[in-house]
N, C-alpha and C. Protein backbone atom coordinates (compact mmCIF):
# COMPACT_ATOMS: atom_id res chain seq x y z
N MET A 1 107.87 86.22 100.02
CA MET A 1 107.61 85.02 100.80
C MET A 1 108.28 85.12 102.16
N GLU A 2 109.52 85.60 102.16
CA GLU A 2 110.23 85.74 103.43
C GLU A 2 109.55 86.78 104.32
N GLU A 3 109.11 87.86 103.70
CA GLU A 3 108.46 88.94 104.45
C GLU A 3 107.21 88.46 105.16
N GLU A 4 106.45 87.59 104.51
CA GLU A 4 105.20 87.07 105.07
C GLU A 4 105.38 85.75 105.80
N GLU A 5 106.63 85.24 105.81
CA GLU A 5 106.96 83.98 106.46
C GLU A 5 106.08 82.83 105.96
N VAL A 6 106.02 82.73 104.64
CA VAL A 6 105.22 81.70 103.99
C VAL A 6 106.15 80.92 103.06
N SER A 7 106.05 79.61 103.07
CA SER A 7 106.82 78.83 102.10
C SER A 7 105.87 78.42 100.98
N PHE A 8 106.41 78.38 99.79
CA PHE A 8 105.59 78.04 98.62
C PHE A 8 104.95 76.67 98.77
N ALA A 9 105.67 75.74 99.35
CA ALA A 9 105.16 74.38 99.51
C ALA A 9 104.00 74.34 100.51
N ASP A 10 104.05 75.23 101.50
CA ASP A 10 103.02 75.21 102.54
C ASP A 10 101.66 75.69 102.06
N ASP A 11 101.63 76.82 101.37
CA ASP A 11 100.34 77.39 101.01
C ASP A 11 100.44 78.18 99.71
N LYS A 12 100.27 77.50 98.59
CA LYS A 12 100.41 78.13 97.29
C LYS A 12 99.32 79.17 97.05
N MET A 13 98.10 78.88 97.49
CA MET A 13 97.01 79.82 97.24
C MET A 13 97.24 81.14 97.98
N TYR A 14 97.69 81.06 99.23
CA TYR A 14 97.97 82.26 100.01
C TYR A 14 99.04 83.10 99.32
N LEU A 15 100.06 82.43 98.81
CA LEU A 15 101.14 83.12 98.12
C LEU A 15 100.61 83.80 96.85
N LYS A 16 99.76 83.12 96.10
CA LYS A 16 99.19 83.71 94.89
C LYS A 16 98.37 84.95 95.22
N VAL A 17 97.61 84.90 96.31
CA VAL A 17 96.81 86.06 96.73
C VAL A 17 97.72 87.22 97.11
N LEU A 18 98.81 86.94 97.83
CA LEU A 18 99.77 87.99 98.21
C LEU A 18 100.37 88.65 96.97
N ILE A 19 100.78 87.84 96.03
CA ILE A 19 101.39 88.37 94.81
C ILE A 19 100.37 89.22 94.04
N PHE A 20 99.14 88.71 93.92
CA PHE A 20 98.12 89.46 93.21
C PHE A 20 97.84 90.80 93.90
N GLN A 21 97.80 90.82 95.22
CA GLN A 21 97.57 92.07 95.96
C GLN A 21 98.68 93.08 95.69
N LYS A 22 99.92 92.62 95.69
CA LYS A 22 101.05 93.51 95.42
C LYS A 22 100.98 94.06 93.99
N ILE A 23 100.60 93.21 93.06
CA ILE A 23 100.46 93.63 91.67
C ILE A 23 99.34 94.65 91.54
N GLN A 24 98.23 94.38 92.19
CA GLN A 24 97.10 95.30 92.13
C GLN A 24 97.46 96.67 92.71
N GLN A 25 98.22 96.68 93.80
CA GLN A 25 98.68 97.95 94.38
C GLN A 25 99.55 98.72 93.38
N ALA A 26 100.43 98.02 92.69
CA ALA A 26 101.30 98.67 91.71
C ALA A 26 100.48 99.22 90.54
N ILE A 27 99.49 98.45 90.09
CA ILE A 27 98.63 98.91 88.99
C ILE A 27 97.85 100.15 89.42
N ASP A 28 97.29 100.13 90.63
CA ASP A 28 96.52 101.27 91.14
C ASP A 28 97.38 102.52 91.24
N LYS A 29 98.65 102.35 91.60
CA LYS A 29 99.57 103.48 91.75
C LYS A 29 100.29 103.81 90.44
N LYS A 30 99.94 103.07 89.36
CA LYS A 30 100.56 103.25 88.05
C LYS A 30 102.08 103.06 88.11
N LYS A 31 102.51 102.04 88.83
CA LYS A 31 103.92 101.69 88.97
C LYS A 31 104.24 100.49 88.08
N ASP A 32 105.48 100.37 87.69
CA ASP A 32 105.92 99.20 86.93
C ASP A 32 106.03 97.99 87.85
N ILE A 33 105.94 96.81 87.25
CA ILE A 33 106.09 95.55 87.97
C ILE A 33 107.48 95.00 87.63
N TYR A 34 108.22 94.59 88.66
CA TYR A 34 109.55 94.04 88.46
C TYR A 34 109.58 92.58 88.90
N TYR A 35 110.19 91.75 88.08
CA TYR A 35 110.32 90.33 88.39
C TYR A 35 111.81 90.02 88.52
N ILE A 36 112.16 89.40 89.63
CA ILE A 36 113.53 88.93 89.84
C ILE A 36 113.46 87.41 89.93
N PRO A 37 113.88 86.70 88.90
CA PRO A 37 113.77 85.24 88.90
C PRO A 37 114.60 84.60 90.01
N ASP A 38 114.08 83.52 90.53
CA ASP A 38 114.79 82.74 91.54
C ASP A 38 115.33 81.49 90.84
N PHE A 39 116.59 81.54 90.47
CA PHE A 39 117.18 80.44 89.71
C PHE A 39 117.49 79.23 90.57
N GLU A 40 117.34 79.36 91.87
CA GLU A 40 117.56 78.21 92.75
C GLU A 40 116.41 77.22 92.62
N ASN A 41 115.26 77.72 92.23
CA ASN A 41 114.08 76.87 92.04
C ASN A 41 113.79 76.77 90.55
N GLU A 42 112.75 76.07 90.20
CA GLU A 42 112.40 75.91 88.79
C GLU A 42 112.08 77.27 88.18
N PHE A 43 112.72 77.59 87.07
CA PHE A 43 112.54 78.88 86.41
C PHE A 43 111.75 78.69 85.13
N SER A 44 110.63 79.36 85.02
CA SER A 44 109.83 79.23 83.81
C SER A 44 109.19 80.57 83.46
N ILE A 45 109.64 81.14 82.38
CA ILE A 45 109.06 82.40 81.91
C ILE A 45 107.62 82.15 81.46
N GLU A 46 107.35 81.00 80.92
CA GLU A 46 106.01 80.70 80.42
C GLU A 46 104.96 80.84 81.52
N LYS A 47 105.31 80.45 82.73
CA LYS A 47 104.37 80.58 83.84
C LYS A 47 104.06 82.04 84.14
N LEU A 48 104.97 82.92 83.78
CA LEU A 48 104.77 84.35 84.02
C LEU A 48 103.85 84.99 83.01
N LEU A 49 103.66 84.35 81.88
CA LEU A 49 102.86 84.98 80.84
C LEU A 49 101.42 85.18 81.28
N ASN A 50 100.90 84.34 82.13
CA ASN A 50 99.56 84.57 82.67
C ASN A 50 99.57 85.88 83.46
N LEU A 51 100.64 86.14 84.15
CA LEU A 51 100.80 87.38 84.90
C LEU A 51 100.82 88.56 83.94
N LYS A 52 101.48 88.42 82.83
CA LYS A 52 101.56 89.48 81.82
C LYS A 52 100.16 89.86 81.35
N LYS A 53 99.27 88.89 81.19
CA LYS A 53 97.90 89.17 80.76
C LYS A 53 97.16 90.02 81.80
N ILE A 54 97.40 89.76 83.07
CA ILE A 54 96.76 90.52 84.14
C ILE A 54 97.21 91.98 84.12
N LEU A 55 98.47 92.20 83.78
CA LEU A 55 99.05 93.54 83.86
C LEU A 55 98.55 94.49 82.79
N GLY A 56 98.10 93.95 81.67
CA GLY A 56 97.60 94.82 80.61
C GLY A 56 98.66 95.77 80.11
N GLU A 57 98.42 97.07 80.25
CA GLU A 57 99.33 98.10 79.74
C GLU A 57 100.49 98.41 80.67
N ASN A 58 100.46 97.91 81.89
CA ASN A 58 101.54 98.18 82.84
C ASN A 58 102.82 97.48 82.41
N ASN A 59 103.94 98.13 82.64
CA ASN A 59 105.23 97.54 82.29
C ASN A 59 105.53 96.35 83.18
N PHE A 60 106.08 95.31 82.57
CA PHE A 60 106.49 94.11 83.29
C PHE A 60 107.97 93.93 82.99
N ASN A 61 108.82 94.23 83.97
CA ASN A 61 110.26 94.26 83.78
C ASN A 61 110.92 93.09 84.48
N VAL A 62 112.07 92.70 83.98
CA VAL A 62 112.82 91.62 84.61
C VAL A 62 114.20 92.14 85.01
N LEU A 63 114.61 91.81 86.22
CA LEU A 63 115.95 92.12 86.72
C LEU A 63 116.68 90.81 86.94
N ILE A 64 117.85 90.69 86.37
CA ILE A 64 118.62 89.46 86.49
C ILE A 64 120.01 89.83 87.00
N PHE A 65 120.49 89.10 87.96
CA PHE A 65 121.80 89.36 88.52
C PHE A 65 122.86 88.55 87.77
N TYR A 66 123.93 89.20 87.39
CA TYR A 66 125.01 88.58 86.64
C TYR A 66 125.56 87.34 87.33
N ASN A 67 125.63 87.37 88.65
CA ASN A 67 126.16 86.23 89.40
C ASN A 67 125.35 84.96 89.17
N GLU A 68 124.06 85.10 88.87
CA GLU A 68 123.22 83.94 88.60
C GLU A 68 123.70 83.22 87.34
N PHE A 69 124.14 83.98 86.35
CA PHE A 69 124.65 83.37 85.12
C PHE A 69 125.93 82.60 85.39
N ARG A 70 126.76 83.13 86.27
CA ARG A 70 128.01 82.45 86.60
C ARG A 70 127.75 81.13 87.30
N LYS A 71 126.70 81.09 88.15
CA LYS A 71 126.38 79.86 88.88
C LYS A 71 125.73 78.82 87.97
N ASN A 72 124.89 79.29 87.04
CA ASN A 72 124.12 78.38 86.17
C ASN A 72 124.22 78.82 84.71
N PRO A 73 125.33 78.58 84.06
CA PRO A 73 125.49 79.06 82.67
C PRO A 73 124.46 78.48 81.70
N GLU A 74 123.85 77.35 82.02
CA GLU A 74 122.87 76.74 81.12
C GLU A 74 121.57 77.54 81.01
N ILE A 75 121.33 78.48 81.92
CA ILE A 75 120.09 79.26 81.86
C ILE A 75 120.19 80.46 80.93
N ILE A 76 121.38 80.79 80.48
CA ILE A 76 121.57 82.00 79.68
C ILE A 76 120.70 81.98 78.43
N ASP A 77 120.71 80.90 77.69
CA ASP A 77 119.93 80.84 76.45
C ASP A 77 118.44 81.01 76.71
N ASP A 78 117.93 80.36 77.75
CA ASP A 78 116.51 80.48 78.08
C ASP A 78 116.16 81.91 78.44
N VAL A 79 116.97 82.54 79.23
CA VAL A 79 116.71 83.91 79.66
C VAL A 79 116.75 84.86 78.46
N PHE A 80 117.81 84.80 77.68
CA PHE A 80 117.94 85.72 76.55
C PHE A 80 116.85 85.51 75.51
N SER A 81 116.45 84.28 75.28
CA SER A 81 115.42 84.04 74.28
C SER A 81 114.04 84.53 74.72
N ASN A 82 113.87 84.78 76.02
CA ASN A 82 112.58 85.24 76.52
C ASN A 82 112.55 86.71 76.94
N LEU A 83 113.65 87.41 76.78
CA LEU A 83 113.69 88.81 77.20
C LEU A 83 112.66 89.67 76.48
N SER A 84 112.33 89.33 75.25
CA SER A 84 111.37 90.14 74.49
C SER A 84 109.96 90.08 75.08
N LYS A 85 109.71 89.15 75.97
CA LYS A 85 108.39 89.02 76.59
C LYS A 85 108.19 90.04 77.71
N PHE A 86 109.25 90.75 78.06
CA PHE A 86 109.18 91.75 79.11
C PHE A 86 109.24 93.15 78.50
N SER A 87 108.69 94.11 79.21
CA SER A 87 108.74 95.50 78.74
C SER A 87 110.18 96.01 78.73
N ASN A 88 110.90 95.74 79.80
CA ASN A 88 112.29 96.16 79.94
C ASN A 88 113.05 95.06 80.66
N SER A 89 114.36 95.02 80.43
CA SER A 89 115.17 94.03 81.13
C SER A 89 116.48 94.68 81.54
N GLN A 90 117.04 94.17 82.61
CA GLN A 90 118.31 94.69 83.08
C GLN A 90 119.10 93.57 83.75
N ILE A 91 120.37 93.47 83.39
CA ILE A 91 121.25 92.53 84.05
C ILE A 91 122.14 93.36 84.98
N ILE A 92 122.11 93.03 86.26
CA ILE A 92 122.81 93.80 87.27
C ILE A 92 124.07 93.07 87.69
N ARG A 93 125.16 93.77 87.74
CA ARG A 93 126.45 93.15 88.06
C ARG A 93 126.54 92.74 89.53
N ASP A 94 126.05 93.57 90.45
CA ASP A 94 126.22 93.32 91.87
C ASP A 94 124.91 93.56 92.61
N TYR A 95 124.80 92.93 93.79
CA TYR A 95 123.61 93.14 94.62
C TYR A 95 123.66 94.49 95.27
């Protein structure tokens, strides 16, 4: 979003098209897809499951930064209970 200077509130459809294009490029190049949740906004793994259907056999991985857990300890249960929905997961200590 920052790269394209688009805010989610301004143009949701444009953002969806951008995301789909990036995903399609990764699929064409046989690359894995990585998701880094933004815990500052509403976090919902369920909304991502539609994305998982699009990916088919491609890996859908999640990267989570440890510092996010320290800021919002209430999200830990939600994140851990949904990790199985991803191909791979990684919690990173530092940026």
